[in-house]
Amino acid sequence: MKTKFPLGQIVATKAIHDDIVDNSKFAKEVLDCLRRYANADFSDMEHQEDIDMNIAAIETGDDRIFATYNTSKGKIYIITEWDRSVTTILYPEDY
């Protein structure tokens, strides 16, 4: 997958993992969200200032990247650490 920034190791919480295993529709949605995220498509986010912070973090490499996406199982978060070593997919309640 081509990305606009390094994702590092991609991990998911147990809750996300379990729902991916049990629900092929959700599994596809998570993969689609990850592709959008990797291409800096943050259009599900509610506030332009959060999108702008992500774009700045991509450009400077000085901060983490945090995005939200809507799925059939509700909102998910995708977070890449500031050093780009790990990207985590999780539910808001897992945060």
C-alpha atoms as a PDB file:
ATOM      1  CA  MET A   1       0.000   0.000   0.000  1.00  0.00           C
ATOM      2  CA  LYS A   2       1.384   3.386  -1.006  1.00  0.00           C
ATOM      3  CA  THR A   3       1.271   5.906   1.820  1.00  0.00           C
ATOM      4  CA  LYS A   4       1.803   9.647   2.289  1.00  0.00           C
ATOM      5  CA  PHE A   5       3.699   8.989   5.531  1.00  0.00           C
ATOM      6  CA  PRO A   6       5.267   5.976   7.265  1.00  0.00           C
ATOM      7  CA  LEU A   7       2.788   3.872   9.238  1.00  0.00           C
ATOM      8  CA  GLY A   8       5.310   1.701  11.079  1.00  0.00           C
ATOM      9  CA  GLN A   9       3.915  -1.500  12.546  1.00  0.00           C
ATOM     10  CA  ILE A  10       0.119  -1.646  12.174  1.00  0.00           C
ATOM     11  CA  VAL A  11      -1.704  -3.017  15.224  1.00  0.00           C
ATOM     12  CA  ALA A  12      -5.288  -3.175  16.458  1.00  0.00           C
ATOM     13  CA  THR A  13      -6.840  -3.538  19.862  1.00  0.00           C
ATOM     14  CA  LYS A  14      -8.400  -6.871  20.800  1.00  0.00           C
ATOM     15  CA  ALA A  15     -11.900  -5.440  20.365  1.00  0.00           C
ATOM     16  CA  ILE A  16     -11.158  -4.284  16.810  1.00  0.00           C
ATOM     17  CA  HIS A  17      -9.437  -7.592  16.017  1.00  0.00           C
ATOM     18  CA  ASP A  18     -12.345  -9.642  17.314  1.00  0.00           C
ATOM     19  CA  ASP A  19     -14.876  -7.619  15.315  1.00  0.00           C
ATOM     20  CA  ILE A  20     -12.749  -7.929  12.158  1.00  0.00           C
ATOM     21  CA  VAL A  21     -12.641 -11.712  12.572  1.00  0.00           C
ATOM     22  CA  ASP A  22     -16.408 -11.932  13.195  1.00  0.00           C
ATOM     23  CA  ASN A  23     -17.623  -9.453  10.573  1.00  0.00           C
ATOM     24  CA  SER A  24     -16.300  -9.352   6.995  1.00  0.00           C
ATOM     25  CA  LYS A  25     -18.139  -6.090   6.245  1.00  0.00           C
ATOM     26  CA  PHE A  26     -16.419  -4.396   9.174  1.00  0.00           C
ATOM     27  CA  ALA A  27     -13.077  -5.932   8.148  1.00  0.00           C
ATOM     28  CA  LYS A  28     -13.435  -4.321   4.706  1.00  0.00           C
ATOM     29  CA  GLU A  29     -14.432  -1.003   6.260  1.00  0.00           C
ATOM     30  CA  VAL A  30     -11.370  -0.986   8.527  1.00  0.00           C
ATOM     31  CA  LEU A  31      -9.097  -1.721   5.572  1.00  0.00           C
ATOM     32  CA  ASP A  32     -10.760   1.058   3.573  1.00  0.00           C
ATOM     33  CA  CYS A  33     -10.318   3.453   6.510  1.00  0.00           C
ATOM     34  CA  LEU A  34      -6.655   2.502   6.818  1.00  0.00           C
ATOM     35  CA  ARG A  35      -6.129   3.148   3.095  1.00  0.00           C
ATOM     36  CA  ARG A  36      -7.829   6.537   3.385  1.00  0.00           C
ATOM     37  CA  TYR A  37      -5.748   7.352   6.451  1.00  0.00           C
ATOM     38  CA  ALA A  38      -2.500   6.359   4.728  1.00  0.00           C
ATOM     39  CA  ASN A  39      -3.433   8.704   1.872  1.00  0.00           C
ATOM     40  CA  ALA A  40      -4.164  11.598   4.271  1.00  0.00           C
ATOM     41  CA  ASP A  41      -7.933  11.475   3.670  1.00  0.00           C
ATOM     42  CA  PHE A  42      -9.215  12.772   6.991  1.00  0.00           C
ATOM     43  CA  SER A  43     -12.640  13.823   5.660  1.00  0.00           C
ATOM     44  CA  ASP A  44     -14.619  11.950   8.362  1.00  0.00           C
ATOM     45  CA  MET A  45     -13.149  14.224  11.030  1.00  0.00           C
ATOM     46  CA  GLU A  46     -15.483  16.849  12.462  1.00  0.00           C
ATOM     47  CA  HIS A  47     -13.092  19.783  12.876  1.00  0.00           C
ATOM     48  CA  GLN A  48     -10.934  21.346  10.179  1.00  0.00           C
ATOM     49  CA  GLU A  49      -8.357  22.334  12.800  1.00  0.00           C
ATOM     50  CA  ASP A  50      -7.770  18.622  13.568  1.00  0.00           C
ATOM     51  CA  ILE A  51      -7.299  17.890   9.878  1.00  0.00           C
ATOM     52  CA  ASP A  52      -4.876  20.817   9.620  1.00  0.00           C
ATOM     53  CA  MET A  53      -2.893  19.487  12.608  1.00  0.00           C
ATOM     54  CA  ASN A  54      -2.584  16.094  10.882  1.00  0.00           C
ATOM     55  CA  ILE A  55      -1.373  17.699   7.651  1.00  0.00           C
ATOM     56  CA  ALA A  56       1.210  19.713   9.607  1.00  0.00           C
ATOM     57  CA  ALA A  57       2.328  16.553  11.439  1.00  0.00           C
ATOM     58  CA  ILE A  58       2.804  14.786   8.103  1.00  0.00           C
ATOM     59  CA  GLU A  59       4.781  17.713   6.688  1.00  0.00           C
ATOM     60  CA  THR A  60       7.029  18.236   9.709  1.00  0.00           C
ATOM     61  CA  GLY A  61       7.179  14.742  11.206  1.00  0.00           C
ATOM     62  CA  ASP A  62       7.042  16.359  14.646  1.00  0.00           C
ATOM     63  CA  ASP A  63       3.761  15.071  16.053  1.00  0.00           C
ATOM     64  CA  ARG A  64       1.442  12.099  16.050  1.00  0.00           C
ATOM     65  CA  ILE A  65      -1.316  11.688  13.484  1.00  0.00           C
ATOM     66  CA  PHE A  66      -4.805  10.987  14.836  1.00  0.00           C
ATOM     67  CA  ALA A  67      -7.940  10.431  12.763  1.00  0.00           C
ATOM     68  CA  THR A  68     -11.493   9.232  13.220  1.00  0.00           C
ATOM     69  CA  TYR A  69     -13.599   7.242  10.764  1.00  0.00           C
ATOM     70  CA  ASN A  70     -17.216   6.130  10.738  1.00  0.00           C
ATOM     71  CA  THR A  71     -17.973   2.414  10.267  1.00  0.00           C
ATOM     72  CA  SER A  72     -20.961   0.112  10.619  1.00  0.00           C
ATOM     73  CA  LYS A  73     -19.676  -0.659  14.154  1.00  0.00           C
ATOM     74  CA  GLY A  74     -19.406   3.025  15.042  1.00  0.00           C
ATOM     75  CA  LYS A  75     -16.465   5.360  15.113  1.00  0.00           C
ATOM     76  CA  ILE A  76     -12.886   4.053  15.032  1.00  0.00           C
ATOM     77  CA  TYR A  77      -9.641   5.865  15.730  1.00  0.00           C
ATOM     78  CA  ILE A  78      -6.410   5.413  13.822  1.00  0.00           C
ATOM     79  CA  ILE A  79      -3.314   6.846  15.489  1.00  0.00           C
ATOM     80  CA  THR A  80       0.282   6.922  14.278  1.00  0.00           C
ATOM     81  CA  GLU A  81       2.884   7.703  16.915  1.00  0.00           C
ATOM     82  CA  TRP A  82       5.065  10.794  16.490  1.00  0.00           C
ATOM     83  CA  ASP A  83       8.105   8.680  15.547  1.00  0.00           C
ATOM     84  CA  ARG A  84       6.035   6.739  12.947  1.00  0.00           C
ATOM     85  CA  SER A  85       6.948   3.436  14.626  1.00  0.00           C
ATOM     86  CA  VAL A  86       3.387   2.192  15.242  1.00  0.00           C
ATOM     87  CA  THR A  87      -0.104   2.818  13.898  1.00  0.00           C
ATOM     88  CA  THR A  88      -2.954   1.634  16.125  1.00  0.00           C
ATOM     89  CA  ILE A  89      -6.579   1.015  15.133  1.00  0.00           C
ATOM     90  CA  LEU A  90      -8.989   1.197  18.063  1.00  0.00           C
ATOM     91  CA  TYR A  91     -12.463   2.095  19.262  1.00  0.00           C
ATOM     92  CA  PRO A  92     -12.875   5.372  21.181  1.00  0.00           C
ATOM     93  CA  GLU A  93     -13.601   3.404  24.378  1.00  0.00           C
ATOM     94  CA  ASP A  94     -10.228   1.614  23.964  1.00  0.00           C
ATOM     95  CA  TYR A  95      -8.358   4.944  24.012  1.00  0.00           C
END
